[in-house]
Amino acid sequence: MKPLIGISCCSKQFGVFGMPNHAASDTYVRATDQVVHGVPVLIPASGPAACCETLLDRLDGFVAAAILAAIFGLLRAGVDGAARGLMVW
């Protein structure tokens, strides 16, 4: 079974109406699929509402693409990935 690899998103406005969207670089998605041979799981940039602890319980790895948002979200959730055996690529 392939590992589930979380990829943090950033929030950007797209389109004529400037609607907020959650985005991650295709580079991270392809690397997760083709290099790591995992299943990419995009994590929305919704701060505390993202339920970081629940997500990390289910993920086998994590790509901190939007690094500052990801780190602050994990710290706010009180999650220590290293202590829980989570591998961060």
Protein backbone atom coordinates (compact mmCIF):
# COMPACT_ATOMS: atom_id res chain seq x y z
CA MET A 1 0.00 0.00 0.00
CA LYS A 2 1.33 3.45 -0.93
CA PRO A 3 2.01 5.97 1.87
CA LEU A 4 -0.24 9.01 2.25
CA ILE A 5 1.86 12.18 1.98
CA GLY A 6 0.35 15.49 3.05
CA ILE A 7 1.26 18.61 1.06
CA SER A 8 0.52 21.96 2.68
CA CYS A 9 -1.33 24.46 0.51
CA CYS A 10 -1.29 28.23 0.42
CA SER A 11 -4.31 30.42 -0.11
CA LYS A 12 -4.49 32.48 -3.31
CA GLN A 13 -7.17 34.49 -5.04
CA PHE A 14 -8.07 33.36 -8.56
CA GLY A 15 -10.47 34.43 -11.25
CA VAL A 16 -12.35 37.57 -12.11
CA PHE A 17 -14.08 37.66 -8.72
CA GLY A 18 -10.94 36.96 -6.69
CA MET A 19 -12.34 33.82 -5.11
CA PRO A 20 -10.01 32.26 -2.51
CA ASN A 21 -8.47 28.95 -3.56
CA HIS A 22 -6.11 26.52 -1.86
CA ALA A 23 -3.08 25.70 -4.00
CA ALA A 24 0.09 23.62 -3.98
CA SER A 25 2.83 23.47 -6.60
CA ASP A 26 2.54 20.67 -9.13
CA THR A 27 6.23 19.99 -8.43
CA TYR A 28 5.40 18.73 -4.92
CA VAL A 29 2.46 16.67 -6.16
CA ARG A 30 4.51 15.02 -8.93
CA ALA A 31 7.49 14.40 -6.62
CA THR A 32 5.20 12.72 -4.09
CA ASP A 33 3.76 10.50 -6.80
CA GLN A 34 6.81 9.78 -8.96
CA VAL A 35 9.77 9.98 -6.55
CA VAL A 36 8.33 8.97 -3.19
CA HIS A 37 5.67 6.70 -4.78
CA GLY A 38 3.10 8.00 -2.35
CA VAL A 39 -0.41 9.36 -2.62
CA PRO A 40 -0.46 13.18 -2.41
CA VAL A 41 -3.03 14.61 0.00
CA LEU A 42 -3.50 18.38 -0.24
CA ILE A 43 -3.93 20.08 3.13
CA PRO A 44 -5.97 23.29 2.97
CA ALA A 45 -4.53 26.56 4.27
CA SER A 46 -7.31 27.00 6.77
CA GLY A 47 -5.24 27.37 9.96
CA PRO A 48 -6.71 25.81 13.08
CA ALA A 49 -9.79 24.63 11.15
CA ALA A 50 -7.57 22.19 9.22
CA CYS A 51 -7.55 19.74 12.17
CA CYS A 52 -3.79 19.21 11.88
CA GLU A 53 -3.68 16.58 14.61
CA THR A 54 -6.34 14.47 12.88
CA LEU A 55 -4.57 14.79 9.52
CA LEU A 56 -1.17 13.88 10.94
CA ASP A 57 -2.62 10.80 12.64
CA ARG A 58 -3.52 9.49 9.19
CA LEU A 59 -0.52 10.65 7.13
CA ASP A 60 2.72 8.75 6.63
CA GLY A 61 4.69 11.85 5.62
CA PHE A 62 4.39 15.58 5.14
CA VAL A 63 5.73 18.11 2.63
CA ALA A 64 5.81 21.59 4.15
CA ALA A 65 5.34 23.43 0.86
CA ALA A 66 3.86 26.55 2.45
CA ILE A 67 6.43 26.24 5.20
CA LEU A 68 5.52 29.06 7.56
CA ALA A 69 1.80 28.34 7.46
CA ALA A 70 2.45 24.64 8.00
CA ILE A 71 4.83 25.13 10.92
CA PHE A 72 2.61 27.62 12.71
CA GLY A 73 -0.44 25.41 12.15
CA LEU A 74 1.35 22.39 13.63
CA LEU A 75 2.64 24.39 16.59
CA ARG A 76 -0.82 25.76 17.32
CA ALA A 77 -2.20 22.23 17.25
CA GLY A 78 0.45 21.14 19.76
CA VAL A 79 1.64 18.37 17.47
CA ASP A 80 5.22 17.09 17.72
CA GLY A 81 5.69 15.09 14.51
CA ALA A 82 9.14 13.75 15.43
CA ALA A 83 7.93 12.32 18.71
CA ARG A 84 5.04 10.62 16.94
CA GLY A 85 7.20 8.98 14.28
CA LEU A 86 6.02 11.18 11.42
CA MET A 87 8.55 11.57 8.63
CA VAL A 88 8.76 15.04 7.16
CA TRP A 89 10.26 15.23 3.65
